[in-house]
N, C-alpha and C. Protein backbone atom coordinates (compact mmCIF):
# COMPACT_ATOMS: atom_id res chain seq x y z
N UNK A 1 -0.61 17.97 -14.98
CA UNK A 1 -0.58 16.35 -14.79
C UNK A 1 -1.78 15.84 -13.95
N UNK A 2 -2.19 14.74 -14.39
CA UNK A 2 -2.91 14.06 -14.13
C UNK A 2 -2.43 13.27 -12.33
N UNK A 3 -3.33 13.37 -11.75
CA UNK A 3 -3.04 12.44 -9.87
C UNK A 3 -2.73 11.42 -10.54
N UNK A 4 -2.92 10.53 -11.48
CA UNK A 4 -2.76 9.17 -11.56
C UNK A 4 -1.11 9.40 -12.50
N UNK A 5 -1.03 10.42 -12.79
CA UNK A 5 0.53 10.69 -13.23
C UNK A 5 1.66 10.85 -12.25
N UNK A 6 1.21 11.82 -11.39
CA UNK A 6 1.77 12.20 -9.98
C UNK A 6 2.05 11.25 -9.26
N UNK A 7 1.16 10.36 -8.85
CA UNK A 7 0.95 8.53 -8.43
C UNK A 7 2.54 8.39 -8.64
N UNK A 8 2.19 7.65 -10.24
CA UNK A 8 3.53 6.78 -10.46
C UNK A 8 4.51 7.51 -10.51
N UNK A 9 4.62 9.49 -10.53
CA UNK A 9 6.46 9.73 -10.45
C UNK A 9 6.17 9.60 -9.36
N UNK A 10 5.46 9.57 -8.21
CA UNK A 10 6.02 9.37 -6.72
C UNK A 10 6.72 7.90 -5.90
N UNK A 11 6.10 6.74 -7.08
CA UNK A 11 6.13 5.51 -6.76
C UNK A 11 7.83 5.88 -7.60
N UNK A 12 8.11 6.42 -8.69
CA UNK A 12 9.45 6.57 -9.10
C UNK A 12 10.57 7.01 -8.31
N UNK A 13 10.07 8.39 -7.78
CA UNK A 13 10.86 8.72 -6.85
C UNK A 13 11.60 8.10 -5.66
N UNK A 14 10.56 7.30 -4.92
CA UNK A 14 10.62 6.34 -4.10
C UNK A 14 11.86 5.35 -4.38
N UNK A 15 11.62 4.86 -5.29
CA UNK A 15 12.49 3.85 -6.15
C UNK A 15 13.84 4.38 -5.78
N UNK A 16 13.80 5.33 -6.73
CA UNK A 16 15.02 6.68 -7.34
C UNK A 16 15.86 6.80 -5.68
N UNK A 17 14.87 7.06 -4.92
CA UNK A 17 15.42 6.96 -3.38
C UNK A 17 16.36 6.13 -2.87
N UNK A 18 15.55 5.17 -2.54
CA UNK A 18 16.22 3.49 -2.16
C UNK A 18 17.51 3.39 -3.02
N UNK A 19 17.80 3.05 -3.84
CA UNK A 19 18.44 3.26 -4.68
C UNK A 19 19.79 3.88 -4.32
N UNK A 20 19.50 5.32 -4.21
CA UNK A 20 20.46 6.10 -4.05
C UNK A 20 21.03 5.94 -2.59
N UNK A 21 20.14 5.73 -1.54
CA UNK A 21 20.58 5.09 -0.37
C UNK A 21 21.57 4.17 -0.49
N UNK A 22 21.36 2.73 -1.12
CA UNK A 22 21.82 1.72 -1.08
C UNK A 22 23.31 2.31 -1.65
N UNK A 23 23.27 3.31 -2.79
CA UNK A 23 24.91 3.45 -3.53
C UNK A 23 25.37 3.91 -2.57
N UNK A 24 24.69 5.06 -1.76
CA UNK A 24 25.72 6.12 -1.16
C UNK A 24 26.30 5.23 0.35
N UNK A 25 25.22 4.17 1.09
CA UNK A 25 25.76 2.71 1.69
C UNK A 25 27.15 2.09 1.11
N UNK A 26 26.66 1.58 -0.60
CA UNK A 26 28.07 1.00 -0.26
C UNK A 26 29.52 1.72 -0.83
N UNK A 27 29.18 2.96 -1.13
CA UNK A 27 30.66 3.68 -1.12
C UNK A 27 30.77 4.71 0.24
N UNK A 28 30.28 4.58 1.22
CA UNK A 28 30.60 4.75 2.51
C UNK A 28 32.11 4.37 3.39
N UNK A 29 32.66 3.17 2.82
CA UNK A 29 33.80 2.60 3.08
C UNK A 29 34.56 2.23 1.99
N UNK A 30 35.80 2.38 2.14
CA UNK A 30 36.95 1.94 1.14
C UNK A 30 38.01 1.28 1.73
N UNK A 31 38.86 0.69 1.00
CA UNK A 31 39.79 0.06 1.83
C UNK A 31 40.64 1.25 1.52
N UNK A 32 42.11 1.67 1.96
CA UNK A 32 43.11 2.70 2.67
C UNK A 32 43.28 2.60 1.67
N UNK A 33 43.80 3.79 0.47
CA UNK A 33 44.88 4.58 -0.58
C UNK A 33 43.62 3.71 -2.19
N UNK A 34 42.29 3.41 -1.74
CA UNK A 34 41.13 3.37 -2.85
C UNK A 34 40.56 4.18 -3.18
N UNK A 35 39.70 4.69 -3.64
CA UNK A 35 38.69 5.75 -4.59
C UNK A 35 37.38 4.88 -4.14
N UNK A 36 36.06 4.92 -3.76
CA UNK A 36 34.55 4.61 -3.83
C UNK A 36 34.70 4.55 -5.83
N UNK A 37 33.73 3.72 -5.75
CA UNK A 37 33.59 3.50 -7.59
C UNK A 37 32.74 4.75 -7.81
N UNK A 38 31.51 5.48 -6.59
CA UNK A 38 31.06 6.75 -6.58
C UNK A 38 31.08 7.19 -5.83
N UNK A 39 31.01 8.59 -6.16
CA UNK A 39 31.54 9.82 -4.77
C UNK A 39 29.98 10.00 -3.97
N UNK A 40 30.24 9.91 -2.96
CA UNK A 40 28.99 9.84 -1.55
C UNK A 40 28.40 11.12 -1.77
N UNK A 41 29.26 11.88 -1.76
CA UNK A 41 28.42 13.64 -1.52
C UNK A 41 27.68 14.15 -2.38
N UNK A 42 28.48 13.48 -3.66
CA UNK A 42 27.14 13.66 -5.07
C UNK A 42 26.12 12.99 -4.64
N UNK A 43 26.13 11.75 -4.69
CA UNK A 43 25.13 10.69 -4.35
C UNK A 43 24.35 11.65 -3.21
N UNK A 44 24.75 11.60 -2.00
CA UNK A 44 24.02 12.61 -0.99
C UNK A 44 22.85 13.77 -1.37
N UNK A 45 24.17 14.61 -2.56
CA UNK A 45 23.04 15.71 -2.86
C UNK A 45 21.90 15.16 -4.06
N UNK A 46 22.38 14.01 -4.60
CA UNK A 46 21.05 13.71 -5.43
C UNK A 46 20.09 13.05 -4.60
N UNK A 47 20.38 12.43 -2.60
CA UNK A 47 19.58 11.96 -2.26
C UNK A 47 18.08 13.47 -2.35
N UNK A 48 19.00 14.25 -2.06
CA UNK A 48 18.58 15.45 -0.82
C UNK A 48 17.58 16.18 -1.38
N UNK A 49 18.02 16.03 -3.16
CA UNK A 49 17.31 16.50 -4.61
C UNK A 49 16.12 15.48 -4.51
N UNK A 50 16.06 14.65 -4.63
CA UNK A 50 15.29 13.48 -4.97
C UNK A 50 13.57 13.77 -3.61
N UNK A 51 14.21 13.84 -2.15
CA UNK A 51 13.57 13.92 -1.55
C UNK A 51 13.22 15.47 -1.17
N UNK A 52 13.22 16.40 -1.74
CA UNK A 52 12.71 17.46 -1.88
C UNK A 52 11.60 17.65 -2.75
N UNK A 53 11.82 17.12 -4.09
CA UNK A 53 10.87 16.56 -5.13
C UNK A 53 9.97 15.85 -4.45
N UNK A 54 10.39 14.86 -3.68
CA UNK A 54 9.19 13.79 -3.19
C UNK A 54 8.22 14.58 -1.77
N UNK A 55 8.75 15.62 -1.14
CA UNK A 55 7.96 16.04 -0.49
C UNK A 55 7.32 17.30 -1.20
N UNK A 56 7.62 17.94 -2.15
CA UNK A 56 6.30 18.90 -2.98
C UNK A 56 5.50 17.99 -3.18
N UNK A 57 5.91 16.58 -4.12
CA UNK A 57 4.94 16.13 -4.90
C UNK A 57 3.56 15.36 -3.89
N UNK A 58 4.54 15.01 -2.50
CA UNK A 58 3.41 14.25 -1.40
C UNK A 58 2.53 15.51 -1.35
N UNK A 59 2.65 17.04 -0.92
CA UNK A 59 1.92 17.65 -0.57
C UNK A 59 0.84 17.88 -1.82
N UNK A 60 1.37 18.20 -2.76
CA UNK A 60 -0.26 18.38 -3.77
C UNK A 60 -0.52 17.11 -4.10
N UNK A 61 0.10 15.99 -3.83
CA UNK A 61 -0.85 14.77 -4.21
C UNK A 61 -2.30 14.90 -3.10
N UNK A 62 -1.69 15.03 -1.82
CA UNK A 62 -2.58 14.85 -0.35
C UNK A 62 -3.53 16.11 -0.69
N UNK A 63 -3.53 17.35 -1.25
CA UNK A 63 -3.52 18.68 -1.40
C UNK A 63 -4.94 18.42 -2.49
N UNK A 64 -4.61 17.51 -3.48
CA UNK A 64 -5.62 17.47 -4.22
C UNK A 64 -6.42 15.97 -4.16
N UNK A 65 -5.99 15.26 -3.54
CA UNK A 65 -7.00 14.13 -3.16
C UNK A 65 -8.17 14.75 -1.80
N UNK A 66 -7.48 15.76 -1.28
CA UNK A 66 -8.62 16.48 -0.08
C UNK A 66 -9.38 17.30 -0.59
N UNK A 67 -9.37 17.70 -1.96
CA UNK A 67 -10.05 18.70 -2.66
C UNK A 67 -10.91 18.10 -3.73
N UNK A 68 -10.65 16.95 -4.55
CA UNK A 68 -11.13 16.06 -5.69
C UNK A 68 -12.28 15.99 -4.79
N UNK A 69 -13.49 15.81 -4.81
CA UNK A 69 -14.61 14.90 -4.92
C UNK A 69 -15.31 14.10 -5.45
N UNK A 70 -15.99 13.32 -5.28
CA UNK A 70 -16.50 12.23 -6.05
C UNK A 70 -17.90 11.86 -5.21
N UNK A 71 -19.31 12.27 -5.82
CA UNK A 71 -20.59 12.52 -5.29
C UNK A 71 -20.76 12.63 -3.71
N UNK A 72 -20.05 13.95 -3.65
CA UNK A 72 -20.29 14.75 -2.54
C UNK A 72 -18.97 13.95 -1.02
N UNK A 73 -18.13 12.89 -1.60
CA UNK A 73 -17.33 12.64 -0.71
C UNK A 73 -15.89 12.74 -1.25
N UNK A 74 -14.84 13.35 -0.30
CA UNK A 74 -13.47 13.60 -0.94
C UNK A 74 -12.67 12.43 -1.43
N UNK A 75 -11.56 12.64 -2.24
CA UNK A 75 -10.95 11.16 -2.66
C UNK A 75 -10.27 10.64 -1.58
N UNK A 76 -10.06 11.32 -0.54
CA UNK A 76 -9.20 11.08 0.77
C UNK A 76 -10.51 10.11 1.69
N UNK A 77 -11.70 10.42 1.83
CA UNK A 77 -12.56 10.03 2.44
C UNK A 77 -12.43 8.24 2.06
N UNK A 78 -12.62 8.42 0.40
CA UNK A 78 -12.69 7.04 -0.36
C UNK A 78 -11.50 6.13 0.12
N UNK A 79 -10.28 6.68 -0.21
CA UNK A 79 -9.64 5.95 0.24
C UNK A 79 -9.19 5.91 1.81
N UNK A 80 -9.37 6.39 2.98
CA UNK A 80 -9.68 5.84 3.89
C UNK A 80 -10.73 4.58 4.27
N UNK A 81 -11.79 4.76 3.56
CA UNK A 81 -13.02 3.70 3.57
C UNK A 81 -11.84 2.47 2.55
N UNK A 82 -11.12 2.45 1.27
CA UNK A 82 -10.73 1.54 1.05
C UNK A 82 -9.59 0.71 2.05
N UNK A 83 -8.99 1.38 2.68
CA UNK A 83 -8.17 0.98 3.25
C UNK A 83 -8.61 0.23 4.46
N UNK A 84 -9.40 0.93 5.51
CA UNK A 84 -10.64 -0.02 6.04
C UNK A 84 -11.42 -1.62 5.74
N UNK A 85 -11.81 -1.29 4.14
CA UNK A 85 -12.14 -2.50 3.22
C UNK A 85 -11.32 -3.17 3.33
N UNK A 86 -10.15 -2.97 3.28
CA UNK A 86 -9.08 -4.03 3.27
C UNK A 86 -8.76 -4.84 4.83
N UNK A 87 -8.84 -3.82 5.36
CA UNK A 87 -8.52 -4.40 6.88
C UNK A 87 -9.08 -5.01 7.47
N UNK A 88 -11.06 -4.93 7.59
CA UNK A 88 -12.11 -6.11 7.54
C UNK A 88 -11.86 -6.82 6.65
N UNK A 89 -11.68 -7.07 5.52
CA UNK A 89 -11.49 -8.39 4.19
C UNK A 89 -10.66 -9.47 4.78
N UNK A 90 -8.90 -8.66 5.47
CA UNK A 90 -8.50 -9.37 5.91
C UNK A 90 -8.48 -10.02 6.98
N UNK A 91 -9.05 -9.35 8.13
CA UNK A 91 -9.61 -10.11 9.23
C UNK A 91 -10.96 -10.88 9.50
N UNK A 92 -11.97 -10.66 8.52
CA UNK A 92 -12.48 -12.21 7.94
C UNK A 92 -12.19 -12.91 7.15
N UNK A 93 -11.10 -12.93 6.52
CA UNK A 93 -10.32 -14.39 6.17
C UNK A 93 -9.74 -14.76 6.85
N UNK A 94 -8.85 -13.96 7.75
CA UNK A 94 -7.86 -14.87 8.84
C UNK A 94 -9.47 -15.73 9.88
N UNK A 95 -10.41 -15.01 10.14
CA UNK A 95 -11.20 -16.01 10.89
C UNK A 95 -11.52 -16.90 9.90
N UNK A 96 -11.74 -17.16 9.02
CA UNK A 96 -12.66 -17.83 8.02
C UNK A 96 -11.44 -19.23 7.78
N UNK A 97 -10.01 -18.95 7.86
CA UNK A 97 -8.89 -19.28 8.09
C UNK A 97 -9.01 -20.35 9.61
N UNK A 98 -8.96 -19.64 10.39
CA UNK A 98 -9.01 -20.60 11.56
C UNK A 98 -10.08 -21.29 11.90
N UNK A 99 -11.55 -20.76 11.47
CA UNK A 99 -12.69 -21.59 11.68
C UNK A 99 -12.38 -22.79 10.70
N UNK A 100 -11.46 -23.01 9.70
CA UNK A 100 -11.82 -24.42 8.40
C UNK A 100 -10.34 -24.94 8.74
N UNK A 101 -9.83 -24.97 10.04
CA UNK A 101 -8.63 -25.75 10.27
C UNK A 101 -9.31 -26.98 10.44
N UNK A 102 -8.56 -27.67 9.62
CA UNK A 102 -8.93 -29.42 10.40
C UNK A 102 -8.23 -29.98 11.57
N UNK A 103 -9.04 -30.25 12.36
CA UNK A 103 -8.26 -31.19 13.63
C UNK A 103 -8.08 -32.67 13.25
N UNK A 104 -7.21 -33.20 13.55
CA UNK A 104 -7.14 -34.44 13.65
C UNK A 104 -7.50 -35.14 14.84
N UNK A 105 -8.52 -36.16 14.59
CA UNK A 105 -8.81 -37.17 15.90
C UNK A 105 -8.46 -38.63 15.48
N UNK A 106 -7.54 -38.97 16.37
CA UNK A 106 -7.39 -40.55 16.19
C UNK A 106 -8.49 -41.51 16.30
N UNK A 107 -9.22 -41.04 17.83
CA UNK A 107 -10.52 -42.45 18.01
C UNK A 107 -11.79 -41.29 18.61
N UNK A 108 -12.51 -41.60 18.24
CA UNK A 108 -13.72 -41.33 18.55
C UNK A 108 -13.83 -40.45 19.99
N UNK A 109 -13.04 -40.56 20.86
CA UNK A 109 -13.30 -40.33 22.09
C UNK A 109 -12.17 -39.10 22.39
N UNK A 110 -11.65 -38.70 21.66
CA UNK A 110 -10.75 -37.57 21.44
C UNK A 110 -12.00 -36.46 21.54
N UNK A 111 -11.60 -35.21 22.18
CA UNK A 111 -12.55 -34.23 22.12
C UNK A 111 -12.41 -33.38 20.89
N UNK A 112 -13.86 -33.10 20.63
CA UNK A 112 -14.31 -32.71 19.01
C UNK A 112 -14.21 -31.41 18.74
N UNK A 113 -13.56 -30.85 18.18
CA UNK A 113 -13.11 -29.28 17.96
C UNK A 113 -13.74 -28.69 16.49
N UNK A 114 -14.98 -28.20 16.82
CA UNK A 114 -15.82 -26.94 15.88
C UNK A 114 -15.24 -25.80 16.01
N UNK A 115 -15.93 -25.38 14.92
CA UNK A 115 -15.96 -23.86 14.31
C UNK A 115 -17.04 -22.78 15.46
N UNK A 116 -17.13 -21.70 15.73
CA UNK A 116 -18.11 -21.64 16.53
C UNK A 116 -18.49 -20.44 16.09
N UNK A 117 -18.64 -20.12 14.63
CA UNK A 117 -19.22 -19.22 13.70
C UNK A 117 -19.80 -20.12 12.21
N UNK A 118 -20.46 -19.49 11.27
CA UNK A 118 -21.09 -20.32 10.38
C UNK A 118 -19.72 -19.70 9.03
N UNK A 119 -18.57 -20.60 9.29
CA UNK A 119 -17.77 -20.61 8.25
C UNK A 119 -18.16 -19.86 6.52
N UNK A 120 -19.56 -20.50 6.01
CA UNK A 120 -19.96 -20.41 4.75
C UNK A 120 -20.52 -18.55 4.83
N UNK A 121 -21.36 -18.12 5.77
CA UNK A 121 -21.68 -17.10 6.26
C UNK A 121 -20.82 -15.80 5.69
N UNK A 122 -19.61 -16.53 6.80
CA UNK A 122 -18.45 -15.61 7.14
C UNK A 122 -17.66 -15.17 5.23
N UNK A 123 -17.28 -16.47 4.67
CA UNK A 123 -17.16 -16.17 3.52
C UNK A 123 -18.06 -15.50 2.47
N UNK A 124 -19.17 -16.03 2.68
CA UNK A 124 -19.88 -14.90 1.58
C UNK A 124 -20.24 -13.70 1.75
N UNK A 125 -19.54 -13.00 3.18
CA UNK A 125 -19.46 -11.57 3.93
C UNK A 125 -17.92 -11.38 3.18
N UNK A 126 -16.75 -12.16 3.22
CA UNK A 126 -15.67 -11.64 2.43
C UNK A 126 -15.65 -11.34 0.84
N UNK A 127 -16.99 -11.93 0.83
CA UNK A 127 -16.85 -12.05 -1.27
C UNK A 127 -17.57 -10.89 -1.73
N UNK A 128 -18.64 -10.33 -0.64
CA UNK A 128 -19.08 -9.42 -0.79
C UNK A 128 -18.59 -7.79 -0.77
N UNK A 129 -17.62 -8.17 0.33
CA UNK A 129 -16.72 -6.93 0.85
C UNK A 129 -15.67 -6.65 -0.33
N UNK A 130 -15.39 -8.29 -0.43
CA UNK A 130 -14.03 -7.82 -1.51
C UNK A 130 -15.12 -7.32 -3.30
N UNK A 131 -16.14 -7.61 -3.54
CA UNK A 131 -16.55 -6.94 -4.44
C UNK A 131 -16.33 -5.56 -4.37
N UNK A 132 -16.95 -5.05 -2.96
CA UNK A 132 -17.14 -3.67 -2.78
C UNK A 132 -15.78 -2.96 -2.70
N UNK A 133 -14.74 -3.18 -2.36
CA UNK A 133 -13.17 -3.30 -1.87
C UNK A 133 -12.84 -3.01 -3.56
N UNK A 134 -13.15 -3.92 -4.81
CA UNK A 134 -12.92 -3.79 -5.91
C UNK A 134 -13.44 -2.70 -7.12
N UNK A 135 -14.72 -2.78 -6.73
CA UNK A 135 -15.23 -1.62 -7.21
C UNK A 135 -14.97 0.27 -6.66
N UNK A 136 -14.69 0.01 -5.45
CA UNK A 136 -14.18 1.59 -4.98
C UNK A 136 -13.09 1.64 -5.80
N UNK A 137 -12.17 0.61 -5.80
CA UNK A 137 -10.61 0.70 -6.17
C UNK A 137 -10.87 1.34 -7.11
N UNK A 138 -11.46 0.33 -8.50
CA UNK A 138 -11.83 1.15 -9.29
C UNK A 138 -12.58 2.46 -9.86
N UNK A 139 -13.26 2.85 -9.10
CA UNK A 139 -13.47 4.35 -8.70
C UNK A 139 -12.66 5.54 -8.91
N UNK A 140 -11.70 5.07 -7.58
CA UNK A 140 -10.46 6.04 -7.40
C UNK A 140 -9.76 5.72 -8.08
N UNK A 141 -9.46 4.46 -9.03
CA UNK A 141 -8.38 4.71 -10.05
C UNK A 141 -8.60 5.72 -11.45
N UNK A 142 -10.24 5.33 -11.22
CA UNK A 142 -10.81 6.44 -12.69
C UNK A 142 -10.51 7.70 -12.57
N UNK A 143 -10.50 8.52 -10.68
CA UNK A 143 -10.85 9.38 -10.62
C UNK A 143 -8.85 9.96 -10.44
N UNK A 144 -8.42 9.43 -10.53
CA UNK A 144 -7.16 9.72 -10.47
C UNK A 144 -7.20 9.87 -11.76
N UNK A 145 -7.48 9.16 -13.19
CA UNK A 145 -6.64 9.84 -14.45
C UNK A 145 -7.55 10.52 -14.57
N UNK A 146 -8.69 11.17 -13.88
CA UNK A 146 -9.57 12.31 -14.39
C UNK A 146 -9.09 13.84 -13.63
N UNK A 147 -9.18 13.43 -12.19
CA UNK A 147 -8.43 14.77 -11.90
C UNK A 147 -7.21 15.30 -12.16
N UNK A 148 -6.44 16.58 -11.95
CA UNK A 148 -5.69 17.59 -12.29
C UNK A 148 -4.85 17.79 -10.90
N UNK A 149 -3.60 17.54 -10.94
CA UNK A 149 -3.09 17.90 -9.47
C UNK A 149 -2.89 19.27 -9.00
N UNK A 150 -2.77 19.40 -8.01
CA UNK A 150 -3.12 21.09 -8.08
C UNK A 150 -1.74 21.43 -7.35
């Protein structure tokens, strides 16, 4: 199985677990004399089985991420770089948004509010970082489809 397929399976298992949890909670209480629509014990068994499958899959995915390399860099390192690039981009975008807010002055004697940064330069940096992020994410996706799950 390819790493990308395992990642899709992990997403499916997470959705299945969420649905099972919801179904269990929906069948936890019934009016006296009535039966639940589904057996909560059976649903719990299915939940436990799905969680066990997820645990093994996560272990294998993480192991694969650690030992799969691209240009002497592990997939784990590439993913950490992607996560930090995302954080940086979001922080810069927030700064651009804050510095770009329009302030209203009713008269010329009111206090003038100005940005403390060059918005245009920070926006160029956001654009450059966003391009790096796209390229890195594409590289990670490519590796995911080439790497065999351990």
